[in-house]
């Protein structure tokens, strides 16, 4: 497999692929997976969107997601026609400058921007040849904070159209043990409640969200463009054995080290 490089910032992403000014329609998201793994309150989430251009001409294809504001992007890559484009970390200022330059040259570009108090928005686009496929993969990480006696993992789902193969998988592992787990948010109510499965066993818990295409279009927060809302996994660990505090401190140190490392690479 061939590999390439895109410019990736801690706060923004620059995709240096030539693009024409084309209408954005007639492309199909045939798979959209969100996979979150939480260990010691440190969460890593991978969003993978697979898109095909079913038209007989080139089309501009979008990747548009929201992530928690206290999270940071650790990886972004695209697979197009057998070539993988990986990210390189840049500072916020460098990303903004290169993003502006790419747009002025008519190139595809993407950058992260704030949306309200709790979320940030990431979007990018690429021109895809007729009948070709692209895979977008975004990885972000965050340290979950305990608020009002619980931890919350917020996942925002808005694939921009109903998706036949749509899945959210969450796996939580806490050495202190998990005292309870619940699911809330706009995507946990109405007809979508039947799409959620949750299990818990001592130190581990699992949540699965597999809505059908019909559920994605008939739920309260849905429509022709499919899902648009939050799935929030709520849990707490067993208190009083000392393991929890140690893991939180370790996770916070890991988070700071990873951010510092990225800044040094810029």
C-alpha atoms as a PDB file:
ATOM      1  CA  UNK A   1       0.000   0.000   0.000  1.00  0.00           C
ATOM      2  CA  UNK A   2       1.311   3.444  -0.926  1.00  0.00           C
ATOM      3  CA  UNK A   3       1.466   6.092   1.735  1.00  0.00           C
ATOM      4  CA  UNK A   4       1.315   9.867   1.703  1.00  0.00           C
ATOM      5  CA  UNK A   5       1.258  12.738   4.129  1.00  0.00           C
ATOM      6  CA  UNK A   6      -1.247  15.393   5.125  1.00  0.00           C
ATOM      7  CA  UNK A   7      -0.637  18.283   7.501  1.00  0.00           C
ATOM      8  CA  UNK A   8      -2.313  17.661  10.875  1.00  0.00           C
ATOM      9  CA  UNK A   9      -2.540  20.178  13.714  1.00  0.00           C
ATOM     10  CA  UNK A  10      -3.348  19.704  17.357  1.00  0.00           C
ATOM     11  CA  UNK A  11      -6.280  22.021  16.612  1.00  0.00           C
ATOM     12  CA  UNK A  12      -6.678  21.662  12.841  1.00  0.00           C
ATOM     13  CA  UNK A  13      -6.076  19.432   9.856  1.00  0.00           C
ATOM     14  CA  UNK A  14      -4.820  20.376   6.430  1.00  0.00           C
ATOM     15  CA  UNK A  15      -5.420  17.918   3.588  1.00  0.00           C
ATOM     16  CA  UNK A  16      -3.153  18.809   0.669  1.00  0.00           C
ATOM     17  CA  UNK A  17      -5.007  17.179  -2.196  1.00  0.00           C
ATOM     18  CA  UNK A  18      -5.939  19.112  -5.330  1.00  0.00           C
ATOM     19  CA  UNK A  19      -9.678  19.757  -5.567  1.00  0.00           C
ATOM     20  CA  UNK A  20     -12.057  21.352  -8.016  1.00  0.00           C
ATOM     21  CA  UNK A  21     -15.139  23.373  -7.140  1.00  0.00           C
ATOM     22  CA  UNK A  22     -17.844  20.727  -7.450  1.00  0.00           C
ATOM     23  CA  UNK A  23     -21.315  20.219  -6.035  1.00  0.00           C
ATOM     24  CA  UNK A  24     -21.479  18.091  -2.872  1.00  0.00           C
ATOM     25  CA  UNK A  25     -24.100  15.417  -3.447  1.00  0.00           C
ATOM     26  CA  UNK A  26     -24.589  11.958  -4.926  1.00  0.00           C
ATOM     27  CA  UNK A  27     -22.080  10.288  -2.634  1.00  0.00           C
ATOM     28  CA  UNK A  28     -22.988   7.477  -0.287  1.00  0.00           C
ATOM     29  CA  UNK A  29     -21.694   6.814   3.245  1.00  0.00           C
ATOM     30  CA  UNK A  30     -21.964   3.030   3.259  1.00  0.00           C
ATOM     31  CA  UNK A  31     -20.263   2.534   6.638  1.00  0.00           C
ATOM     32  CA  UNK A  32     -19.822   4.713   9.730  1.00  0.00           C
ATOM     33  CA  UNK A  33     -18.255   3.239  12.874  1.00  0.00           C
ATOM     34  CA  UNK A  34     -17.433   4.887  16.198  1.00  0.00           C
ATOM     35  CA  UNK A  35     -15.260   2.836  18.542  1.00  0.00           C
ATOM     36  CA  UNK A  36     -14.444   4.108  22.040  1.00  0.00           C
ATOM     37  CA  UNK A  37     -12.147   2.372  24.511  1.00  0.00           C
ATOM     38  CA  UNK A  38     -11.904   3.663  28.078  1.00  0.00           C
ATOM     39  CA  UNK A  39      -9.160   2.429  30.407  1.00  0.00           C
ATOM     40  CA  UNK A  40      -8.638   4.074  33.769  1.00  0.00           C
ATOM     41  CA  UNK A  41     -10.920   6.951  32.718  1.00  0.00           C
ATOM     42  CA  UNK A  42      -8.728   7.664  29.697  1.00  0.00           C
ATOM     43  CA  UNK A  43     -10.787   7.435  26.502  1.00  0.00           C
ATOM     44  CA  UNK A  44      -9.631   6.855  22.935  1.00  0.00           C
ATOM     45  CA  UNK A  45     -12.279   7.196  20.236  1.00  0.00           C
ATOM     46  CA  UNK A  46     -11.890   6.274  16.578  1.00  0.00           C
ATOM     47  CA  UNK A  47     -14.396   7.526  14.001  1.00  0.00           C
ATOM     48  CA  UNK A  48     -14.280   5.723  10.656  1.00  0.00           C
ATOM     49  CA  UNK A  49     -16.395   6.816   7.691  1.00  0.00           C
ATOM     50  CA  UNK A  50     -16.356   4.931   4.384  1.00  0.00           C
ATOM     51  CA  UNK A  51     -17.764   6.761   1.379  1.00  0.00           C
ATOM     52  CA  UNK A  52     -18.256   5.892  -2.289  1.00  0.00           C
ATOM     53  CA  UNK A  53     -18.910   8.191  -5.237  1.00  0.00           C
ATOM     54  CA  UNK A  54     -21.564   6.350  -7.220  1.00  0.00           C
ATOM     55  CA  UNK A  55     -21.710   8.967  -9.976  1.00  0.00           C
ATOM     56  CA  UNK A  56     -19.991   8.927 -13.375  1.00  0.00           C
ATOM     57  CA  UNK A  57     -18.122  12.154 -12.601  1.00  0.00           C
ATOM     58  CA  UNK A  58     -15.898  13.463  -9.808  1.00  0.00           C
ATOM     59  CA  UNK A  59     -17.652  14.731  -6.677  1.00  0.00           C
ATOM     60  CA  UNK A  60     -16.575  16.583  -3.543  1.00  0.00           C
ATOM     61  CA  UNK A  61     -17.036  14.341  -0.495  1.00  0.00           C
ATOM     62  CA  UNK A  62     -17.268  15.661   3.075  1.00  0.00           C
ATOM     63  CA  UNK A  63     -16.190  14.313   6.454  1.00  0.00           C
ATOM     64  CA  UNK A  64     -17.899  16.331   9.173  1.00  0.00           C
ATOM     65  CA  UNK A  65     -17.921  15.353  12.870  1.00  0.00           C
ATOM     66  CA  UNK A  66     -18.028  16.860  16.360  1.00  0.00           C
ATOM     67  CA  UNK A  67     -15.721  15.951  19.243  1.00  0.00           C
ATOM     68  CA  UNK A  68     -15.674  16.990  22.936  1.00  0.00           C
ATOM     69  CA  UNK A  69     -13.906  20.297  23.574  1.00  0.00           C
ATOM     70  CA  UNK A  70     -11.544  18.799  26.179  1.00  0.00           C
ATOM     71  CA  UNK A  71     -10.380  16.114  23.733  1.00  0.00           C
ATOM     72  CA  UNK A  72      -7.457  16.375  21.333  1.00  0.00           C
ATOM     73  CA  UNK A  73      -6.968  14.850  17.900  1.00  0.00           C
ATOM     74  CA  UNK A  74      -4.120  12.346  17.946  1.00  0.00           C
ATOM     75  CA  UNK A  75      -4.499  10.980  14.414  1.00  0.00           C
ATOM     76  CA  UNK A  76      -6.249  11.720  11.152  1.00  0.00           C
ATOM     77  CA  UNK A  77      -5.790   9.799   7.938  1.00  0.00           C
ATOM     78  CA  UNK A  78      -7.503   9.039   4.646  1.00  0.00           C
ATOM     79  CA  UNK A  79      -7.328   6.020   2.368  1.00  0.00           C
ATOM     80  CA  UNK A  80      -7.998   6.910  -1.265  1.00  0.00           C
ATOM     81  CA  UNK A  81      -7.513   4.515  -4.159  1.00  0.00           C
ATOM     82  CA  UNK A  82      -4.967   2.414  -2.268  1.00  0.00           C
ATOM     83  CA  UNK A  83      -2.957   5.389  -0.978  1.00  0.00           C
ATOM     84  CA  UNK A  84      -2.906   6.219   2.722  1.00  0.00           C
ATOM     85  CA  UNK A  85      -2.521   9.859   3.750  1.00  0.00           C
ATOM     86  CA  UNK A  86      -1.287  10.244   7.328  1.00  0.00           C
ATOM     87  CA  UNK A  87      -1.203  13.353   9.477  1.00  0.00           C
ATOM     88  CA  UNK A  88       1.716  15.440  10.720  1.00  0.00           C
ATOM     89  CA  UNK A  89       1.226  17.501  13.862  1.00  0.00           C
ATOM     90  CA  UNK A  90       1.332  21.286  13.518  1.00  0.00           C
ATOM     91  CA  UNK A  91       0.722  24.167  15.901  1.00  0.00           C
ATOM     92  CA  UNK A  92      -2.578  26.047  15.785  1.00  0.00           C
ATOM     93  CA  UNK A  93      -0.990  29.042  14.047  1.00  0.00           C
ATOM     94  CA  UNK A  94       0.738  26.906  11.406  1.00  0.00           C
ATOM     95  CA  UNK A  95      -2.447  24.958  10.714  1.00  0.00           C
ATOM     96  CA  UNK A  96      -4.534  28.099  10.278  1.00  0.00           C
ATOM     97  CA  UNK A  97      -1.993  29.665   7.925  1.00  0.00           C
ATOM     98  CA  UNK A  98      -1.657  26.557   5.768  1.00  0.00           C
ATOM     99  CA  UNK A  99      -5.416  26.002   5.792  1.00  0.00           C
ATOM    100  CA  UNK A 100      -5.951  29.532   4.438  1.00  0.00           C
ATOM    101  CA  UNK A 101      -3.305  29.002   1.763  1.00  0.00           C
ATOM    102  CA  UNK A 102      -4.838  25.678   0.685  1.00  0.00           C
ATOM    103  CA  UNK A 103      -8.312  27.183   0.344  1.00  0.00           C
ATOM    104  CA  UNK A 104      -6.952  30.068  -1.724  1.00  0.00           C
ATOM    105  CA  UNK A 105      -5.340  27.540  -4.100  1.00  0.00           C
ATOM    106  CA  UNK A 106      -8.572  25.550  -4.464  1.00  0.00           C
ATOM    107  CA  UNK A 107      -7.233  22.580  -2.511  1.00  0.00           C
ATOM    108  CA  UNK A 108      -9.220  20.434  -0.102  1.00  0.00           C
ATOM    109  CA  UNK A 109      -8.637  21.477   3.487  1.00  0.00           C
ATOM    110  CA  UNK A 110     -10.033  20.858   6.943  1.00  0.00           C
ATOM    111  CA  UNK A 111      -9.789  22.507  10.341  1.00  0.00           C
ATOM    112  CA  UNK A 112     -11.280  22.247  13.827  1.00  0.00           C
ATOM    113  CA  UNK A 113     -13.539  25.020  15.158  1.00  0.00           C
ATOM    114  CA  UNK A 114     -15.559  25.492  18.356  1.00  0.00           C
ATOM    115  CA  UNK A 115     -19.268  24.666  18.541  1.00  0.00           C
ATOM    116  CA  UNK A 116     -20.877  25.906  21.749  1.00  0.00           C
ATOM    117  CA  UNK A 117     -19.381  25.322  25.206  1.00  0.00           C
ATOM    118  CA  UNK A 118     -18.738  21.579  25.101  1.00  0.00           C
ATOM    119  CA  UNK A 119     -18.039  20.533  21.505  1.00  0.00           C
ATOM    120  CA  UNK A 120     -15.653  21.268  18.661  1.00  0.00           C
ATOM    121  CA  UNK A 121     -16.349  20.676  15.004  1.00  0.00           C
ATOM    122  CA  UNK A 122     -14.013  19.049  12.519  1.00  0.00           C
ATOM    123  CA  UNK A 123     -14.737  18.976   8.820  1.00  0.00           C
ATOM    124  CA  UNK A 124     -12.817  18.370   5.656  1.00  0.00           C
ATOM    125  CA  UNK A 125     -13.590  17.390   2.077  1.00  0.00           C
ATOM    126  CA  UNK A 126     -11.866  15.729  -0.824  1.00  0.00           C
ATOM    127  CA  UNK A 127     -12.663  15.416  -4.532  1.00  0.00           C
ATOM    128  CA  UNK A 128     -13.325  11.776  -5.362  1.00  0.00           C
ATOM    129  CA  UNK A 129     -13.192  10.348  -8.869  1.00  0.00           C
ATOM    130  CA  UNK A 130     -16.167   8.514 -10.337  1.00  0.00           C
ATOM    131  CA  UNK A 131     -16.977   5.183  -8.621  1.00  0.00           C
ATOM    132  CA  UNK A 132     -14.026   5.550  -6.226  1.00  0.00           C
ATOM    133  CA  UNK A 133     -14.036   5.093  -2.442  1.00  0.00           C
ATOM    134  CA  UNK A 134     -12.469   7.015   0.430  1.00  0.00           C
ATOM    135  CA  UNK A 135     -12.035   6.063   4.077  1.00  0.00           C
ATOM    136  CA  UNK A 136     -11.749   8.838   6.668  1.00  0.00           C
ATOM    137  CA  UNK A 137     -10.352   7.897  10.075  1.00  0.00           C
ATOM    138  CA  UNK A 138     -10.179  10.352  12.967  1.00  0.00           C
ATOM    139  CA  UNK A 139      -8.802   9.434  16.412  1.00  0.00           C
ATOM    140  CA  UNK A 140      -9.235  11.661  19.432  1.00  0.00           C
ATOM    141  CA  UNK A 141      -8.345  11.187  23.103  1.00  0.00           C
ATOM    142  CA  UNK A 142      -9.594  12.645  26.362  1.00  0.00           C
ATOM    143  CA  UNK A 143      -9.373  12.222  30.112  1.00  0.00           C
ATOM    144  CA  UNK A 144     -12.842  11.795  31.586  1.00  0.00           C
ATOM    145  CA  UNK A 145     -13.567  13.977  34.614  1.00  0.00           C
ATOM    146  CA  UNK A 146     -15.768  12.888  37.513  1.00  0.00           C
ATOM    147  CA  UNK A 147     -18.687  15.284  37.922  1.00  0.00           C
ATOM    148  CA  UNK A 148     -21.598  14.873  40.329  1.00  0.00           C
ATOM    149  CA  UNK A 149     -20.437  11.376  41.263  1.00  0.00           C
ATOM    150  CA  UNK A 150     -20.087   9.967  37.764  1.00  0.00           C
ATOM    151  CA  UNK A 151     -17.995   9.902  34.574  1.00  0.00           C
ATOM    152  CA  UNK A 152     -19.497  10.738  31.195  1.00  0.00           C
ATOM    153  CA  UNK A 153     -18.312   9.721  27.735  1.00  0.00           C
ATOM    154  CA  UNK A 154     -20.050  11.927  25.160  1.00  0.00           C
ATOM    155  CA  UNK A 155     -20.315  10.704  21.577  1.00  0.00           C
ATOM    156  CA  UNK A 156     -21.913  12.935  18.959  1.00  0.00           C
ATOM    157  CA  UNK A 157     -23.352  11.128  15.944  1.00  0.00           C
ATOM    158  CA  UNK A 158     -24.183  13.070  12.795  1.00  0.00           C
ATOM    159  CA  UNK A 159     -23.118  11.124   9.693  1.00  0.00           C
ATOM    160  CA  UNK A 160     -25.195  13.552   7.517  1.00  0.00           C
ATOM    161  CA  UNK A 161     -27.261  10.754   5.953  1.00  0.00           C
ATOM    162  CA  UNK A 162     -28.785   7.409   6.983  1.00  0.00           C
ATOM    163  CA  UNK A 163     -26.102   4.715   6.978  1.00  0.00           C
ATOM    164  CA  UNK A 164     -26.795   1.023   6.468  1.00  0.00           C
ATOM    165  CA  UNK A 165     -23.737  -0.041   8.457  1.00  0.00           C
ATOM    166  CA  UNK A 166     -23.798   2.336  11.429  1.00  0.00           C
ATOM    167  CA  UNK A 167     -22.263   1.181  14.725  1.00  0.00           C
ATOM    168  CA  UNK A 168     -21.117   2.651  18.022  1.00  0.00           C
ATOM    169  CA  UNK A 169     -19.040   0.325  20.228  1.00  0.00           C
ATOM    170  CA  UNK A 170     -17.881   1.349  23.711  1.00  0.00           C
ATOM    171  CA  UNK A 171     -15.656  -0.785  25.939  1.00  0.00           C
ATOM    172  CA  UNK A 172     -14.794   0.339  29.475  1.00  0.00           C
ATOM    173  CA  UNK A 173     -12.154  -1.297  31.699  1.00  0.00           C
ATOM    174  CA  UNK A 174     -11.634  -0.070  35.255  1.00  0.00           C
ATOM    175  CA  UNK A 175      -9.444  -2.018  37.692  1.00  0.00           C
ATOM    176  CA  UNK A 176     -11.330  -0.498  40.621  1.00  0.00           C
ATOM    177  CA  UNK A 177     -14.497  -2.129  39.306  1.00  0.00           C
ATOM    178  CA  UNK A 178     -17.559  -0.506  37.726  1.00  0.00           C
ATOM    179  CA  UNK A 179     -20.376   0.279  40.147  1.00  0.00           C
ATOM    180  CA  UNK A 180     -22.999   1.189  37.532  1.00  0.00           C
ATOM    181  CA  UNK A 181     -23.395   2.094  33.863  1.00  0.00           C
ATOM    182  CA  UNK A 182     -26.187   3.883  32.038  1.00  0.00           C
ATOM    183  CA  UNK A 183     -26.828   5.504  28.652  1.00  0.00           C
ATOM    184  CA  UNK A 184     -28.532   8.843  28.150  1.00  0.00           C
ATOM    185  CA  UNK A 185     -28.648  11.644  25.587  1.00  0.00           C
ATOM    186  CA  UNK A 186     -30.940  12.441  22.697  1.00  0.00           C
ATOM    187  CA  UNK A 187     -30.034   9.227  20.838  1.00  0.00           C
ATOM    188  CA  UNK A 188     -31.019   6.977  23.760  1.00  0.00           C
ATOM    189  CA  UNK A 189     -34.735   7.795  23.737  1.00  0.00           C
ATOM    190  CA  UNK A 190     -37.768   7.086  21.590  1.00  0.00           C
ATOM    191  CA  UNK A 191     -37.390   4.347  18.966  1.00  0.00           C
ATOM    192  CA  UNK A 192     -33.600   4.384  19.327  1.00  0.00           C
ATOM    193  CA  UNK A 193     -33.730   2.869  22.824  1.00  0.00           C
ATOM    194  CA  UNK A 194     -34.162  -0.575  21.247  1.00  0.00           C
ATOM    195  CA  UNK A 195     -30.893  -0.104  19.343  1.00  0.00           C
ATOM    196  CA  UNK A 196     -28.845   0.073  22.566  1.00  0.00           C
ATOM    197  CA  UNK A 197     -27.339  -2.915  24.358  1.00  0.00           C
ATOM    198  CA  UNK A 198     -25.332  -2.597  27.573  1.00  0.00           C
ATOM    199  CA  UNK A 199     -23.629  -5.195  29.763  1.00  0.00           C
ATOM    200  CA  UNK A 200     -21.439  -5.030  32.863  1.00  0.00           C
ATOM    201  CA  UNK A 201     -19.170  -7.591  34.522  1.00  0.00           C
ATOM    202  CA  UNK A 202     -16.913  -6.590  37.453  1.00  0.00           C
ATOM    203  CA  UNK A 203     -14.111  -4.497  35.909  1.00  0.00           C
ATOM    204  CA  UNK A 204     -15.570  -4.209  32.413  1.00  0.00           C
ATOM    205  CA  UNK A 205     -18.628  -2.840  30.653  1.00  0.00           C
ATOM    206  CA  UNK A 206     -19.813  -2.706  27.064  1.00  0.00           C
ATOM    207  CA  UNK A 207     -22.290  -0.494  25.230  1.00  0.00           C
ATOM    208  CA  UNK A 208     -23.444  -1.138  21.652  1.00  0.00           C
ATOM    209  CA  UNK A 209     -25.580   1.197  19.564  1.00  0.00           C
ATOM    210  CA  UNK A 210     -26.674  -0.346  16.246  1.00  0.00           C
ATOM    211  CA  UNK A 211     -29.663   1.589  14.820  1.00  0.00           C
ATOM    212  CA  UNK A 212     -31.291   0.399  11.628  1.00  0.00           C
ATOM    213  CA  UNK A 213     -31.788   2.720   8.654  1.00  0.00           C
ATOM    214  CA  UNK A 214     -35.473   2.960   9.546  1.00  0.00           C
ATOM    215  CA  UNK A 215     -34.651   3.976  13.130  1.00  0.00           C
ATOM    216  CA  UNK A 216     -32.187   6.573  11.845  1.00  0.00           C
ATOM    217  CA  UNK A 217     -34.928   8.332   9.868  1.00  0.00           C
ATOM    218  CA  UNK A 218     -37.961   8.013  12.170  1.00  0.00           C
ATOM    219  CA  UNK A 219     -36.580   8.911  15.602  1.00  0.00           C
ATOM    220  CA  UNK A 220     -37.373  12.254  17.245  1.00  0.00           C
ATOM    221  CA  UNK A 221     -33.980  13.801  16.450  1.00  0.00           C
ATOM    222  CA  UNK A 222     -33.707  12.258  12.999  1.00  0.00           C
ATOM    223  CA  UNK A 223     -34.858  13.038   9.483  1.00  0.00           C
ATOM    224  CA  UNK A 224     -33.855  12.637   5.868  1.00  0.00           C
ATOM    225  CA  UNK A 225     -30.241  13.333   6.865  1.00  0.00           C
ATOM    226  CA  UNK A 226     -30.251  10.627   9.536  1.00  0.00           C
ATOM    227  CA  UNK A 227     -28.960  10.805  13.100  1.00  0.00           C
ATOM    228  CA  UNK A 228     -28.072  14.089  14.767  1.00  0.00           C
ATOM    229  CA  UNK A 229     -27.514  13.954  18.505  1.00  0.00           C
ATOM    230  CA  UNK A 230     -25.541  12.690  21.477  1.00  0.00           C
ATOM    231  CA  UNK A 231     -25.077   9.279  23.001  1.00  0.00           C
ATOM    232  CA  UNK A 232     -23.735   9.723  26.541  1.00  0.00           C
ATOM    233  CA  UNK A 233     -22.343   6.743  28.449  1.00  0.00           C
ATOM    234  CA  UNK A 234     -22.517   7.386  32.208  1.00  0.00           C
ATOM    235  CA  UNK A 235     -20.675   5.258  34.780  1.00  0.00           C
ATOM    236  CA  UNK A 236     -18.761   5.280  38.049  1.00  0.00           C
ATOM    237  CA  UNK A 237     -16.109   3.102  39.660  1.00  0.00           C
ATOM    238  CA  UNK A 238     -16.099   1.438  43.051  1.00  0.00           C
ATOM    239  CA  UNK A 239     -14.780   3.916  45.590  1.00  0.00           C
ATOM    240  CA  UNK A 240     -12.541   3.492  48.636  1.00  0.00           C
ATOM    241  CA  UNK A 241      -9.887   1.027  47.462  1.00  0.00           C
ATOM    242  CA  UNK A 242      -7.356   3.659  46.327  1.00  0.00           C
ATOM    243  CA  UNK A 243      -6.998   2.320  42.787  1.00  0.00           C
ATOM    244  CA  UNK A 244      -9.131   5.023  41.205  1.00  0.00           C
ATOM    245  CA  UNK A 245      -7.053   8.026  42.274  1.00  0.00           C
ATOM    246  CA  UNK A 246      -3.809   6.421  41.134  1.00  0.00           C
ATOM    247  CA  UNK A 247      -5.177   5.705  37.678  1.00  0.00           C
ATOM    248  CA  UNK A 248      -6.586   9.208  37.254  1.00  0.00           C
ATOM    249  CA  UNK A 249      -3.243  10.797  38.096  1.00  0.00           C
ATOM    250  CA  UNK A 250      -1.466   8.448  35.707  1.00  0.00           C
ATOM    251  CA  UNK A 251      -3.958   9.206  32.930  1.00  0.00           C
ATOM    252  CA  UNK A 252      -3.627  12.961  33.402  1.00  0.00           C
ATOM    253  CA  UNK A 253       0.165  12.672  33.203  1.00  0.00           C
ATOM    254  CA  UNK A 254      -0.156  10.615  30.050  1.00  0.00           C
ATOM    255  CA  UNK A 255      -2.453  13.227  28.510  1.00  0.00           C
ATOM    256  CA  UNK A 256      -0.059  16.080  29.287  1.00  0.00           C
ATOM    257  CA  UNK A 257       2.926  14.155  27.966  1.00  0.00           C
ATOM    258  CA  UNK A 258       1.131  13.406  24.705  1.00  0.00           C
ATOM    259  CA  UNK A 259       0.141  17.025  24.210  1.00  0.00           C
ATOM    260  CA  UNK A 260       3.664  18.226  25.012  1.00  0.00           C
ATOM    261  CA  UNK A 261       5.106  15.711  22.567  1.00  0.00           C
ATOM    262  CA  UNK A 262       2.846  16.986  19.795  1.00  0.00           C
ATOM    263  CA  UNK A 263       3.782  20.592  20.453  1.00  0.00           C
ATOM    264  CA  UNK A 264       7.465  19.689  20.247  1.00  0.00           C
ATOM    265  CA  UNK A 265       6.959  18.019  16.880  1.00  0.00           C
ATOM    266  CA  UNK A 266       5.443  21.161  15.393  1.00  0.00           C
END
